C-alpha atoms as a PDB file:
ATOM      1  CA  MET A   1      -0.014  -0.006  -0.058  1.00  0.00           C
ATOM      2  CA  ARG A   2       2.877   2.359   0.901  1.00  0.00           C
ATOM      3  CA  ASP A   3       4.367   1.730  -2.395  1.00  0.00           C
ATOM      4  CA  ASN A   4       1.204   2.437  -4.287  1.00  0.00           C
ATOM      5  CA  ALA A   5       0.693   5.664  -2.285  1.00  0.00           C
ATOM      6  CA  GLY A   6       4.275   6.611  -3.077  1.00  0.00           C
ATOM      7  CA  ASP A   7       3.796   6.019  -6.787  1.00  0.00           C
ATOM      8  CA  ASP A   8       0.677   8.160  -6.649  1.00  0.00           C
ATOM      9  CA  LYS A   9       2.426  10.966  -4.903  1.00  0.00           C
ATOM     10  CA  ARG A  10       5.314  10.957  -7.384  1.00  0.00           C
ATOM     11  CA  ALA A  11       2.857  10.886 -10.350  1.00  0.00           C
ATOM     12  CA  THR A  12       1.001  13.882  -8.790  1.00  0.00           C
ATOM     13  CA  VAL A  13       4.166  15.702  -8.465  1.00  0.00           C
ATOM     14  CA  ILE A  14       5.272  15.046 -11.989  1.00  0.00           C
ATOM     15  CA  GLU A  15       1.945  16.103 -13.416  1.00  0.00           C
ATOM     16  CA  THR A  16       2.059  19.352 -11.347  1.00  0.00           C
ATOM     17  CA  GLN A  17       5.656  20.048 -12.577  1.00  0.00           C
ATOM     18  CA  ILE A  18       4.507  19.427 -16.257  1.00  0.00           C
ATOM     19  CA  GLU A  19       1.529  21.759 -15.809  1.00  0.00           C
ATOM     20  CA  THR A  20       4.043  24.502 -14.403  1.00  0.00           C
ATOM     21  CA  MET A  21       6.353  24.017 -17.307  1.00  0.00           C
ATOM     22  CA  THR A  22       3.437  24.262 -19.991  1.00  0.00           C
ATOM     23  CA  LYS A  23       2.454  27.548 -18.350  1.00  0.00           C
ATOM     24  CA  LYS A  24       5.978  28.952 -18.349  1.00  0.00           C
ATOM     25  CA  VAL A  25       7.305  27.789 -21.670  1.00  0.00           C
ATOM     26  CA  TYR A  26       8.923  31.332 -22.114  1.00  0.00           C
ATOM     27  CA  VAL A  27      11.674  29.799 -19.997  1.00  0.00           C
ATOM     28  CA  GLU A  28      14.020  28.118 -22.480  1.00  0.00           C
ATOM     29  CA  ASP A  29      14.841  25.145 -20.181  1.00  0.00           C
ATOM     30  CA  TYR A  30      11.215  24.305 -19.669  1.00  0.00           C
ATOM     31  CA  ALA A  31      10.421  24.523 -23.408  1.00  0.00           C
ATOM     32  CA  ASN A  32      13.429  22.089 -24.030  1.00  0.00           C
ATOM     33  CA  ILE A  33      12.400  19.592 -21.418  1.00  0.00           C
ATOM     34  CA  LEU A  34       8.765  19.409 -22.694  1.00  0.00           C
ATOM     35  CA  ILE A  35      10.033  18.864 -26.401  1.00  0.00           C
ATOM     36  CA  PHE A  36      12.480  16.291 -25.092  1.00  0.00           C
ATOM     37  CA  LEU A  37       9.737  14.502 -22.969  1.00  0.00           C
ATOM     38  CA  ILE A  38       7.229  14.356 -25.716  1.00  0.00           C
ATOM     39  CA  TYR A  39       9.874  13.094 -28.019  1.00  0.00           C
ATOM     40  CA  LEU A  40      10.819  10.241 -25.917  1.00  0.00           C
ATOM     41  CA  THR A  41       7.477   9.199 -24.466  1.00  0.00           C
ATOM     42  CA  LYS A  42       4.673  10.736 -26.736  1.00  0.00           C
ATOM     43  CA  ASP A  43       2.887  11.009 -23.349  1.00  0.00           C
ATOM     44  CA  LYS A  44      -0.723  11.867 -24.225  1.00  0.00           C
ATOM     45  CA  HIS A  45      -1.070  13.749 -20.790  1.00  0.00           C
ATOM     46  CA  VAL A  46       1.802  16.095 -21.809  1.00  0.00           C
ATOM     47  CA  ILE A  47       0.185  16.683 -25.130  1.00  0.00           C
ATOM     48  CA  LEU A  48      -3.285  17.472 -23.717  1.00  0.00           C
ATOM     49  CA  GLU A  49      -1.718  19.754 -21.158  1.00  0.00           C
ATOM     50  CA  MET A  50      -0.132  21.722 -23.901  1.00  0.00           C
ATOM     51  CA  LEU A  51      -3.320  21.942 -25.797  1.00  0.00           C
ATOM     52  CA  GLU A  52      -5.156  23.177 -22.695  1.00  0.00           C
ATOM     53  CA  ASN A  53      -2.483  25.730 -22.278  1.00  0.00           C
ATOM     54  CA  ALA A  54      -2.871  26.790 -25.808  1.00  0.00           C
ATOM     55  CA  LYS A  55      -6.581  27.461 -25.262  1.00  0.00           C
ATOM     56  CA  ARG A  56      -5.859  29.716 -22.267  1.00  0.00           C
ATOM     57  CA  VAL A  57      -3.509  31.930 -24.133  1.00  0.00           C
ATOM     58  CA  PHE A  58      -5.369  34.999 -25.188  1.00  0.00           C
ATOM     59  CA  GLN A  59      -8.592  33.210 -24.371  1.00  0.00           C
ATOM     60  CA  ALA A  60     -10.448  36.488 -24.000  1.00  0.00           C
ATOM     61  CA  HIS A  61      -9.832  37.260 -27.685  1.00  0.00           C
ATOM     62  CA  GLU A  62     -11.715  35.739 -30.600  1.00  0.00           C
ATOM     63  CA  PRO A  63      -9.843  34.704 -33.607  1.00  0.00           C
ATOM     64  CA  PHE A  64      -8.751  37.522 -35.881  1.00  0.00           C
ATOM     65  CA  ASP A  65     -11.000  38.458 -38.775  1.00  0.00           C
ATOM     66  CA  PHE A  66      -9.435  40.489 -41.665  1.00  0.00           C
ATOM     67  CA  GLU A  67     -12.690  42.518 -42.137  1.00  0.00           C
ATOM     68  CA  LYS A  68     -14.264  43.103 -38.748  1.00  0.00           C
ATOM     69  CA  HIS A  69     -11.092  43.343 -36.747  1.00  0.00           C
ATOM     70  CA  ALA A  70      -9.025  45.137 -39.325  1.00  0.00           C
ATOM     71  CA  ASP A  71     -11.743  47.678 -40.347  1.00  0.00           C
ATOM     72  CA  PHE A  72      -9.735  50.458 -38.851  1.00  0.00           C
ATOM     73  CA  ILE A  73      -6.763  49.426 -40.970  1.00  0.00           C
ATOM     74  CA  ASN A  74      -8.769  48.970 -44.225  1.00  0.00           C
ATOM     75  CA  ARG A  75     -10.299  52.526 -43.774  1.00  0.00           C
ATOM     76  CA  ILE A  76      -6.734  54.028 -44.230  1.00  0.00           C
ATOM     77  CA  TYR A  77      -4.852  51.272 -45.801  1.00  0.00           C
ATOM     78  CA  SER A  78      -2.379  51.887 -48.646  1.00  0.00           C
ATOM     79  CA  PRO A  79      -0.237  49.054 -49.879  1.00  0.00           C
ATOM     80  CA  SER A  80       3.382  49.735 -48.979  1.00  0.00           C
ATOM     81  CA  GLN A  81       4.602  49.193 -52.590  1.00  0.00           C
ATOM     82  CA  GLU A  82       3.847  47.500 -55.767  1.00  0.00           C
ATOM     83  CA  LEU A  83       4.310  43.728 -55.721  1.00  0.00           C
ATOM     84  CA  VAL A  84       7.039  42.801 -58.097  1.00  0.00           C
ATOM     85  CA  LEU A  85       8.470  39.279 -58.845  1.00  0.00           C
ATOM     86  CA  GLU A  86      12.103  39.558 -59.747  1.00  0.00           C
ATOM     87  CA  LYS A  87      13.315  36.860 -62.105  1.00  0.00           C
ATOM     88  CA  LYS A  88      16.237  35.327 -60.325  1.00  0.00           C
ATOM     89  CA  ASP A  89      17.713  31.842 -59.598  1.00  0.00           C
ATOM     90  CA  PRO A  90      15.484  30.372 -56.746  1.00  0.00           C
ATOM     91  CA  LYS A  91      18.541  28.720 -55.202  1.00  0.00           C
ATOM     92  CA  GLU A  92      20.312  31.953 -54.935  1.00  0.00           C
ATOM     93  CA  SER A  93      17.114  33.693 -53.570  1.00  0.00           C
ATOM     94  CA  ARG A  94      16.791  31.024 -50.899  1.00  0.00           C
ATOM     95  CA  GLU A  95      20.358  31.496 -49.894  1.00  0.00           C
ATOM     96  CA  ASP A  96      19.852  35.286 -49.589  1.00  0.00           C
ATOM     97  CA  TYR A  97      16.549  34.731 -47.604  1.00  0.00           C
ATOM     98  CA  LEU A  98      18.029  32.287 -45.159  1.00  0.00           C
ATOM     99  CA  ARG A  99      21.009  34.530 -44.533  1.00  0.00           C
ATOM    100  CA  THR A 100      18.787  37.420 -43.710  1.00  0.00           C
ATOM    101  CA  MET A 101      16.599  35.283 -41.509  1.00  0.00           C
ATOM    102  CA  ASP A 102      19.684  34.134 -39.530  1.00  0.00           C
ATOM    103  CA  GLU A 103      20.849  37.617 -39.022  1.00  0.00           C
ATOM    104  CA  ILE A 104      17.522  38.762 -37.725  1.00  0.00           C
ATOM    105  CA  GLU A 105      17.259  35.808 -35.414  1.00  0.00           C
ATOM    106  CA  GLU A 106      20.604  36.937 -33.951  1.00  0.00           C
ATOM    107  CA  GLU A 107      19.503  40.369 -33.342  1.00  0.00           C
ATOM    108  CA  VAL A 108      15.993  39.949 -31.954  1.00  0.00           C
ATOM    109  CA  GLY A 109      13.937  37.663 -29.797  1.00  0.00           C
ATOM    110  CA  PHE A 110      13.790  36.742 -26.081  1.00  0.00           C
ATOM    111  CA  GLN A 111      16.965  35.504 -24.498  1.00  0.00           C
ATOM    112  CA  ASN A 112      16.392  32.421 -22.516  1.00  0.00           C
ATOM    113  CA  GLY A 113      13.003  33.593 -21.257  1.00  0.00           C
ATOM    114  CA  GLN A 114      14.613  36.421 -19.170  1.00  0.00           C
ATOM    115  CA  LEU A 115      11.911  39.095 -18.648  1.00  0.00           C
ATOM    116  CA  PRO A 116      11.831  42.010 -16.365  1.00  0.00           C
ATOM    117  CA  VAL A 117      10.840  41.216 -12.744  1.00  0.00           C
ATOM    118  CA  THR A 118       8.347  44.002 -12.721  1.00  0.00           C
ATOM    119  CA  ARG A 119       5.027  42.997 -14.208  1.00  0.00           C
ATOM    120  CA  ASP A 120       3.385  46.172 -15.539  1.00  0.00           C
ATOM    121  CA  LYS A 121       0.816  45.980 -18.162  1.00  0.00           C
ATOM    122  CA  GLU A 122       3.345  46.104 -21.084  1.00  0.00           C
ATOM    123  CA  THR A 123       5.435  43.379 -19.727  1.00  0.00           C
ATOM    124  CA  GLU A 124       2.298  41.184 -19.175  1.00  0.00           C
ATOM    125  CA  GLN A 125       1.602  41.648 -22.824  1.00  0.00           C
ATOM    126  CA  VAL A 126       5.162  40.760 -23.904  1.00  0.00           C
ATOM    127  CA  LEU A 127       5.006  37.756 -21.571  1.00  0.00           C
ATOM    128  CA  LYS A 128       1.782  36.420 -23.091  1.00  0.00           C
ATOM    129  CA  LEU A 129       3.148  36.845 -26.652  1.00  0.00           C
ATOM    130  CA  ASN A 130       6.206  34.928 -25.716  1.00  0.00           C
ATOM    131  CA  ILE A 131       4.147  32.142 -24.130  1.00  0.00           C
ATOM    132  CA  ALA A 132       1.891  32.085 -27.216  1.00  0.00           C
ATOM    133  CA  PHE A 133       4.823  31.834 -29.606  1.00  0.00           C
ATOM    134  CA  LYS A 134       6.576  29.093 -27.627  1.00  0.00           C
ATOM    135  CA  THR A 135       3.377  27.116 -27.309  1.00  0.00           C
ATOM    136  CA  GLU A 136       2.796  27.459 -31.052  1.00  0.00           C
ATOM    137  CA  GLN A 137       6.318  26.130 -31.795  1.00  0.00           C
ATOM    138  CA  ILE A 138       6.145  23.195 -29.289  1.00  0.00           C
ATOM    139  CA  LEU A 139       2.755  22.081 -30.486  1.00  0.00           C
ATOM    140  CA  GLY A 140       3.957  22.303 -34.157  1.00  0.00           C
ATOM    141  CA  GLN A 141       6.998  20.277 -33.396  1.00  0.00           C
ATOM    142  CA  ILE A 142       4.807  17.564 -31.915  1.00  0.00           C
ATOM    143  CA  LEU A 143       2.541  17.622 -34.963  1.00  0.00           C
ATOM    144  CA  ARG A 144       5.382  17.477 -37.540  1.00  0.00           C
ATOM    145  CA  ASN A 145       7.573  15.052 -35.770  1.00  0.00           C
ATOM    146  CA  PHE A 146       4.978  12.353 -35.213  1.00  0.00           C
ATOM    147  CA  PRO A 147       2.421  12.601 -38.051  1.00  0.00           C
ATOM    148  CA  GLY A 148       2.315   8.740 -38.441  1.00  0.00           C
ATOM    149  CA  SER A 149       2.089   7.775 -34.736  1.00  0.00           C
ATOM    150  CA  LEU A 150      -0.409  10.309 -33.503  1.00  0.00           C
ATOM    151  CA  LYS A 151      -4.090   9.532 -33.910  1.00  0.00           C
ATOM    152  CA  ALA A 152      -6.235  11.546 -36.353  1.00  0.00           C
ATOM    153  CA  ASP A 153      -8.304  13.145 -33.696  1.00  0.00           C
ATOM    154  CA  ILE A 154      -5.156  14.429 -31.787  1.00  0.00           C
ATOM    155  CA  LYS A 155      -3.552  15.725 -34.842  1.00  0.00           C
ATOM    156  CA  PHE A 156      -6.830  17.601 -35.753  1.00  0.00           C
ATOM    157  CA  GLU A 157      -6.937  19.153 -32.196  1.00  0.00           C
ATOM    158  CA  ILE A 158      -3.265  20.266 -32.328  1.00  0.00           C
ATOM    159  CA  ALA A 159      -3.509  21.805 -35.853  1.00  0.00           C
ATOM    160  CA  LYS A 160      -6.806  23.474 -34.917  1.00  0.00           C
ATOM    161  CA  GLU A 161      -5.533  24.995 -31.740  1.00  0.00           C
ATOM    162  CA  CYS A 162      -2.296  26.260 -33.474  1.00  0.00           C
ATOM    163  CA  TYR A 163      -4.539  27.780 -36.188  1.00  0.00           C
ATOM    164  CA  PHE A 164      -6.703  29.555 -33.583  1.00  0.00           C
ATOM    165  CA  LEU A 165      -3.806  30.607 -31.374  1.00  0.00           C
ATOM    166  CA  ALA A 166      -2.144  32.295 -34.159  1.00  0.00           C
ATOM    167  CA  LEU A 167      -5.456  34.109 -35.046  1.00  0.00           C
ATOM    168  CA  ARG A 168      -5.784  35.155 -31.450  1.00  0.00           C
ATOM    169  CA  ILE A 169      -2.329  36.467 -31.300  1.00  0.00           C
ATOM    170  CA  LEU A 170      -3.239  38.668 -34.251  1.00  0.00           C
ATOM    171  CA  ARG A 171      -6.404  39.749 -32.656  1.00  0.00           C
ATOM    172  CA  ALA A 172      -4.501  40.800 -29.520  1.00  0.00           C
ATOM    173  CA  MET A 173      -1.978  42.816 -31.552  1.00  0.00           C
ATOM    174  CA  PHE A 174      -4.372  44.606 -33.790  1.00  0.00           C
ATOM    175  CA  LEU A 175      -6.765  45.414 -30.817  1.00  0.00           C
ATOM    176  CA  LEU A 176      -3.668  46.975 -29.042  1.00  0.00           C
ATOM    177  CA  MET A 177      -2.933  49.034 -32.138  1.00  0.00           C
ATOM    178  CA  GLU A 178      -6.525  50.108 -32.635  1.00  0.00           C
ATOM    179  CA  GLN A 179      -6.797  51.111 -28.867  1.00  0.00           C
ATOM    180  CA  ASN A 180      -3.719  53.379 -29.357  1.00  0.00           C
ATOM    181  CA  ILE A 181      -4.148  54.381 -32.910  1.00  0.00           C
ATOM    182  CA  VAL A 182      -4.545  58.078 -32.085  1.00  0.00           C
ATOM    183  CA  SER A 183      -1.360  58.377 -29.970  1.00  0.00           C
ATOM    184  CA  PHE A 184       0.533  56.113 -32.309  1.00  0.00           C
ATOM    185  CA  ARG A 185      -0.365  58.296 -35.333  1.00  0.00           C
ATOM    186  CA  GLU A 186       0.459  61.416 -33.482  1.00  0.00           C
ATOM    187  CA  LYS A 187       3.930  59.964 -32.688  1.00  0.00           C
ATOM    188  CA  ILE A 188       4.676  59.043 -36.199  1.00  0.00           C
ATOM    189  CA  GLU A 189       3.586  62.449 -37.565  1.00  0.00           C
ATOM    190  CA  GLU A 190       5.723  64.161 -34.860  1.00  0.00           C
ATOM    191  CA  ILE A 191       8.740  62.059 -35.979  1.00  0.00           C
ATOM    192  CA  LEU A 192       7.931  63.022 -39.678  1.00  0.00           C
ATOM    193  CA  LYS A 193       7.851  66.630 -38.861  1.00  0.00           C
ATOM    194  CA  GLU A 194      11.055  66.594 -36.970  1.00  0.00           C
ATOM    195  CA  ASN A 195      12.789  64.877 -39.851  1.00  0.00           C
ATOM    196  CA  GLY A 196      11.488  67.390 -42.254  1.00  0.00           C
ATOM    197  CA  GLU A 197      10.351  64.690 -44.592  1.00  0.00           C
ATOM    198  CA  VAL A 198       6.906  66.134 -45.498  1.00  0.00           C
ATOM    199  CA  LYS A 199       5.334  69.357 -46.264  1.00  0.00           C
ATOM    200  CA  GLY A 200       1.742  70.068 -45.664  1.00  0.00           C
ATOM    201  CA  GLU A 201      -0.972  68.223 -43.632  1.00  0.00           C
ATOM    202  CA  THR A 202      -2.372  66.235 -46.537  1.00  0.00           C
ATOM    203  CA  GLU A 203       1.172  64.744 -47.208  1.00  0.00           C
ATOM    204  CA  LEU A 204       1.714  64.187 -43.476  1.00  0.00           C
ATOM    205  CA  THR A 205      -1.576  62.141 -43.260  1.00  0.00           C
ATOM    206  CA  ARG A 206      -0.707  60.059 -46.286  1.00  0.00           C
ATOM    207  CA  ARG A 207       2.812  59.196 -44.997  1.00  0.00           C
ATOM    208  CA  ALA A 208       1.476  58.426 -41.578  1.00  0.00           C
ATOM    209  CA  ASN A 209      -1.264  56.108 -43.033  1.00  0.00           C
ATOM    210  CA  GLN A 210       1.399  54.411 -45.153  1.00  0.00           C
ATOM    211  CA  ILE A 211       3.657  53.602 -42.106  1.00  0.00           C
ATOM    212  CA  ILE A 212       0.772  52.221 -40.269  1.00  0.00           C
ATOM    213  CA  SER A 213      -0.093  50.036 -43.304  1.00  0.00           C
ATOM    214  CA  VAL A 214       3.444  48.765 -43.551  1.00  0.00           C
ATOM    215  CA  LEU A 215       3.502  47.896 -39.815  1.00  0.00           C
ATOM    216  CA  SER A 216       0.056  46.179 -40.233  1.00  0.00           C
ATOM    217  CA  GLU A 217       1.439  44.039 -43.179  1.00  0.00           C
ATOM    218  CA  VAL A 218       4.432  43.045 -41.045  1.00  0.00           C
ATOM    219  CA  LEU A 219       2.434  41.967 -38.162  1.00  0.00           C
ATOM    220  CA  ALA A 220      -0.093  39.872 -40.155  1.00  0.00           C
ATOM    221  CA  TYR A 221       2.542  38.300 -42.457  1.00  0.00           C
ATOM    222  CA  SER A 222       4.849  37.405 -39.483  1.00  0.00           C
ATOM    223  CA  VAL A 223       2.294  35.650 -37.420  1.00  0.00           C
ATOM    224  CA  ILE A 224       0.939  33.678 -40.415  1.00  0.00           C
ATOM    225  CA  LYS A 225       4.539  32.582 -41.344  1.00  0.00           C
ATOM    226  CA  LEU A 226       5.167  31.648 -37.709  1.00  0.00           C
ATOM    227  CA  LEU A 227       2.147  29.319 -37.798  1.00  0.00           C
ATOM    228  CA  SER A 228       3.224  27.870 -41.229  1.00  0.00           C
ATOM    229  CA  HIS A 229       6.743  27.237 -40.086  1.00  0.00           C
ATOM    230  CA  SER A 230       5.529  25.771 -36.853  1.00  0.00           C
ATOM    231  CA  VAL A 231       3.021  23.201 -38.192  1.00  0.00           C
ATOM    232  CA  GLY A 232       3.712  22.884 -41.899  1.00  0.00           C
ATOM    233  CA  SER A 233       4.368  19.534 -43.331  1.00  0.00           C
ATOM    234  CA  GLU A 234       2.969  17.832 -46.526  1.00  0.00           C
ATOM    235  CA  GLU A 235       2.508  14.640 -44.541  1.00  0.00           C
ATOM    236  CA  LEU A 236      -0.341  16.410 -42.656  1.00  0.00           C
ATOM    237  CA  LYS A 237      -2.355  17.427 -45.720  1.00  0.00           C
ATOM    238  CA  GLU A 238      -5.335  15.418 -44.628  1.00  0.00           C
ATOM    239  CA  THR A 239      -5.283  17.128 -41.225  1.00  0.00           C
ATOM    240  CA  TYR A 240      -5.179  20.589 -42.808  1.00  0.00           C
ATOM    241  CA  LYS A 241      -8.026  19.607 -45.055  1.00  0.00           C
ATOM    242  CA  ALA A 242     -10.064  18.535 -42.118  1.00  0.00           C
ATOM    243  CA  VAL A 243      -9.461  21.857 -40.283  1.00  0.00           C
ATOM    244  CA  LEU A 244     -10.322  23.848 -43.349  1.00  0.00           C
ATOM    245  CA  SER A 245     -13.373  21.820 -44.045  1.00  0.00           C
ATOM    246  CA  LYS A 246     -14.771  22.351 -40.452  1.00  0.00           C
ATOM    247  CA  PHE A 247     -13.758  26.093 -40.039  1.00  0.00           C
ATOM    248  CA  GLU A 248     -14.474  27.672 -43.270  1.00  0.00           C
ATOM    249  CA  SER A 249     -13.412  31.357 -43.099  1.00  0.00           C
ATOM    250  CA  LYS A 250     -10.940  33.639 -44.929  1.00  0.00           C
ATOM    251  CA  PRO A 251      -8.326  33.733 -42.104  1.00  0.00           C
ATOM    252  CA  ILE A 252      -8.307  30.036 -42.063  1.00  0.00           C
ATOM    253  CA  ALA A 253      -8.083  29.808 -45.906  1.00  0.00           C
ATOM    254  CA  LEU A 254      -5.253  32.204 -45.865  1.00  0.00           C
ATOM    255  CA  THR A 255      -3.280  30.118 -43.226  1.00  0.00           C
ATOM    256  CA  ASP A 256      -4.001  26.885 -45.155  1.00  0.00           C
ATOM    257  CA  ILE A 257      -2.614  28.562 -48.347  1.00  0.00           C
ATOM    258  CA  ALA A 258       0.525  29.852 -46.522  1.00  0.00           C
ATOM    259  CA  ILE A 259       1.228  26.235 -45.337  1.00  0.00           C
ATOM    260  CA  ARG A 260       0.834  24.810 -48.743  1.00  0.00           C
ATOM    261  CA  LEU A 261       3.035  27.461 -50.368  1.00  0.00           C
ATOM    262  CA  ASP A 262       5.832  26.804 -47.848  1.00  0.00           C
ATOM    263  CA  HIS A 263       5.678  23.083 -47.609  1.00  0.00           C
ATOM    264  CA  PHE A 264       3.924  21.388 -50.516  1.00  0.00           C
ATOM    265  CA  ARG A 265       5.401  20.647 -53.871  1.00  0.00           C
ATOM    266  CA  SER A 266       2.352  21.904 -55.804  1.00  0.00           C
ATOM    267  CA  ILE A 267       1.062  25.482 -55.682  1.00  0.00           C
ATOM    268  CA  PRO A 268      -2.694  25.616 -54.701  1.00  0.00           C
ATOM    269  CA  GLN A 269      -3.680  27.855 -57.614  1.00  0.00           C
ATOM    270  CA  LYS A 270      -7.370  27.258 -57.330  1.00  0.00           C
ATOM    271  CA  GLU A 271      -7.505  28.226 -53.712  1.00  0.00           C
ATOM    272  CA  ILE A 272      -5.309  31.108 -54.106  1.00  0.00           C
ATOM    273  CA  LEU A 273      -7.429  32.637 -56.991  1.00  0.00           C
ATOM    274  CA  GLU A 274     -10.690  31.940 -55.027  1.00  0.00           C
ATOM    275  CA  LEU A 275      -9.388  33.728 -51.910  1.00  0.00           C
ATOM    276  CA  HIS A 276      -8.111  36.588 -54.220  1.00  0.00           C
ATOM    277  CA  ARG A 277     -11.563  36.865 -55.725  1.00  0.00           C
ATOM    278  CA  GLN A 278     -13.136  36.948 -52.222  1.00  0.00           C
ATOM    279  CA  SER A 279     -10.833  39.567 -50.911  1.00  0.00           C
ATOM    280  CA  ARG A 280     -10.910  42.111 -53.864  1.00  0.00           C
ATOM    281  CA  LYS A 281     -12.659  44.632 -51.603  1.00  0.00           C
ATOM    282  CA  ASN A 282     -10.180  44.060 -48.743  1.00  0.00           C
ATOM    283  CA  SER A 283      -6.850  45.447 -49.797  1.00  0.00           C
ATOM    284  CA  PHE A 284      -5.117  44.452 -46.631  1.00  0.00           C
ATOM    285  CA  LEU A 285      -5.937  40.723 -46.839  1.00  0.00           C
ATOM    286  CA  SER A 286      -5.319  40.752 -50.603  1.00  0.00           C
ATOM    287  CA  THR A 287      -1.841  42.084 -50.109  1.00  0.00           C
ATOM    288  CA  ILE A 288      -0.792  39.568 -47.503  1.00  0.00           C
ATOM    289  CA  LEU A 289      -2.022  36.721 -49.780  1.00  0.00           C
ATOM    290  CA  ARG A 290      -0.146  38.143 -52.803  1.00  0.00           C
ATOM    291  CA  THR A 291       3.003  38.587 -50.809  1.00  0.00           C
ATOM    292  CA  LEU A 292       2.965  34.947 -49.723  1.00  0.00           C
ATOM    293  CA  VAL A 293       2.587  33.966 -53.395  1.00  0.00           C
ATOM    294  CA  VAL A 294       5.410  36.245 -54.545  1.00  0.00           C
ATOM    295  CA  GLU A 295       7.685  34.730 -51.881  1.00  0.00           C
ATOM    296  CA  ARG A 296       6.927  31.244 -53.071  1.00  0.00           C
ATOM    297  CA  LEU A 297       7.581  32.076 -56.661  1.00  0.00           C
ATOM    298  CA  TYR A 298      10.798  33.882 -55.633  1.00  0.00           C
ATOM    299  CA  LEU A 299      12.188  31.191 -53.463  1.00  0.00           C
ATOM    300  CA  PHE A 300      11.240  27.926 -55.380  1.00  0.00           C
ATOM    301  CA  PRO A 301      11.190  26.897 -58.936  1.00  0.00           C
ATOM    302  CA  SER A 302       7.769  26.870 -60.750  1.00  0.00           C
ATOM    303  CA  ASN A 303       6.679  26.255 -64.262  1.00  0.00           C
ATOM    304  CA  TYR A 304       6.293  29.168 -66.696  1.00  0.00           C
ATOM    305  CA  THR A 305       2.564  28.725 -67.134  1.00  0.00           C
ATOM    306  CA  THR A 306       1.867  28.686 -63.322  1.00  0.00           C
ATOM    307  CA  ARG A 307       4.007  31.780 -62.836  1.00  0.00           C
ATOM    308  CA  GLN A 308       2.463  33.777 -65.530  1.00  0.00           C
ATOM    309  CA  ARG A 309      -1.031  32.947 -64.766  1.00  0.00           C
ATOM    310  CA  LEU A 310      -0.718  33.718 -61.016  1.00  0.00           C
ATOM    311  CA  CYS A 311       1.046  36.946 -61.598  1.00  0.00           C
ATOM    312  CA  SER A 312      -1.450  38.022 -64.132  1.00  0.00           C
ATOM    313  CA  LYS A 313      -4.493  37.278 -62.013  1.00  0.00           C
ATOM    314  CA  LEU A 314      -3.015  38.692 -58.837  1.00  0.00           C
ATOM    315  CA  GLU A 315      -1.625  41.768 -60.587  1.00  0.00           C
ATOM    316  CA  ILE A 316       2.025  40.989 -59.744  1.00  0.00           C
ATOM    317  CA  SER A 317       4.500  42.640 -62.039  1.00  0.00           C
ATOM    318  CA  ILE A 318       7.460  40.518 -63.269  1.00  0.00           C
ATOM    319  CA  ARG A 319      10.831  42.171 -63.437  1.00  0.00           C
ATOM    320  CA  GLU A 320      13.567  40.968 -65.698  1.00  0.00           C
ATOM    321  CA  PRO A 321      17.059  41.056 -64.185  1.00  0.00           C
ATOM    322  CA  LYS A 322      19.206  43.977 -65.307  1.00  0.00           C
ATOM    323  CA  LEU A 323      21.894  43.093 -67.582  1.00  0.00           C
ATOM    324  CA  ILE A 324      25.494  44.503 -67.101  1.00  0.00           C
ATOM    325  CA  THR A 325      26.624  46.223 -70.174  1.00  0.00           C
ATOM    326  CA  SER A 326      29.689  48.248 -71.076  1.00  0.00           C
ATOM    327  CA  LYS A 327      27.794  51.329 -70.110  1.00  0.00           C
ATOM    328  CA  THR A 328      27.056  49.976 -66.509  1.00  0.00           C
ATOM    329  CA  ARG A 329      28.960  51.763 -63.982  1.00  0.00           C
ATOM    330  CA  MET A 330      30.890  49.012 -61.842  1.00  0.00           C
ATOM    331  CA  LEU A 331      31.608  49.450 -58.059  1.00  0.00           C
ATOM    332  CA  ARG A 332      35.317  48.802 -57.392  1.00  0.00           C
END
């Protein structure tokens, strides 16, 4: 009896420790332990605990909607620039892209979960975002590492929670921007005036709107890519299909397309063109979709017909590489 009681007590202690670690995944050691534990044991209890934690992160926010929740952006939205696909060797493009990503990773990010001891409102928000990103990454690793050994219902739940966690992250970020849009705009205009970059109130408003548009694009694109990189694998195509079938919406369709563009051999042309048709009156959503397509065409080989068709339908310009001639000035 004492042995059984001791075993029960140890099990309870372990479960408590696991629960603590899932709530504090911003601590690098905890995140690594959870990944290692799941890799070794595929323990369903740990996976379910991670799923429950995912549901708790930003649980007060509903999933982001590119129309309802980005209305304040769409009213002022101005695409940051014309989308252009430069004809370049995809292998060279990928090398440049990966080099840039490595440089960014070295310069930004949370270092070993070390956050300020004080817990003001801003720090709380940063902490929640870090927990959300880490949770997304760990669940994604579970999904991608064990596509053959996890049951279909568990794979569906993990993918679903990853999708919705990413959309709640977006909702939290854009809500924060919307609540502070007046002071945010005033600060941008103040900086523009100080730098003497604009003349006249009309130009000042236009430039401020453009900067807010760029930041909005970066936020939406970054979170969608985080989701894609976390959960993406062609082996999970049936799982993605099940999620898309049950939760039909433009944000889910966009995330599904992002995953397919990043991880599948074939480009989902039909789905891309359909979402583009549905988002013609939503320039913000349309720009994110078109940016994802440009990136795929830029980084990976595609046949001429596919590239021409997508660029024509999505209004993406194709730029030929500049040739060096005798008249071209060379840098020495």
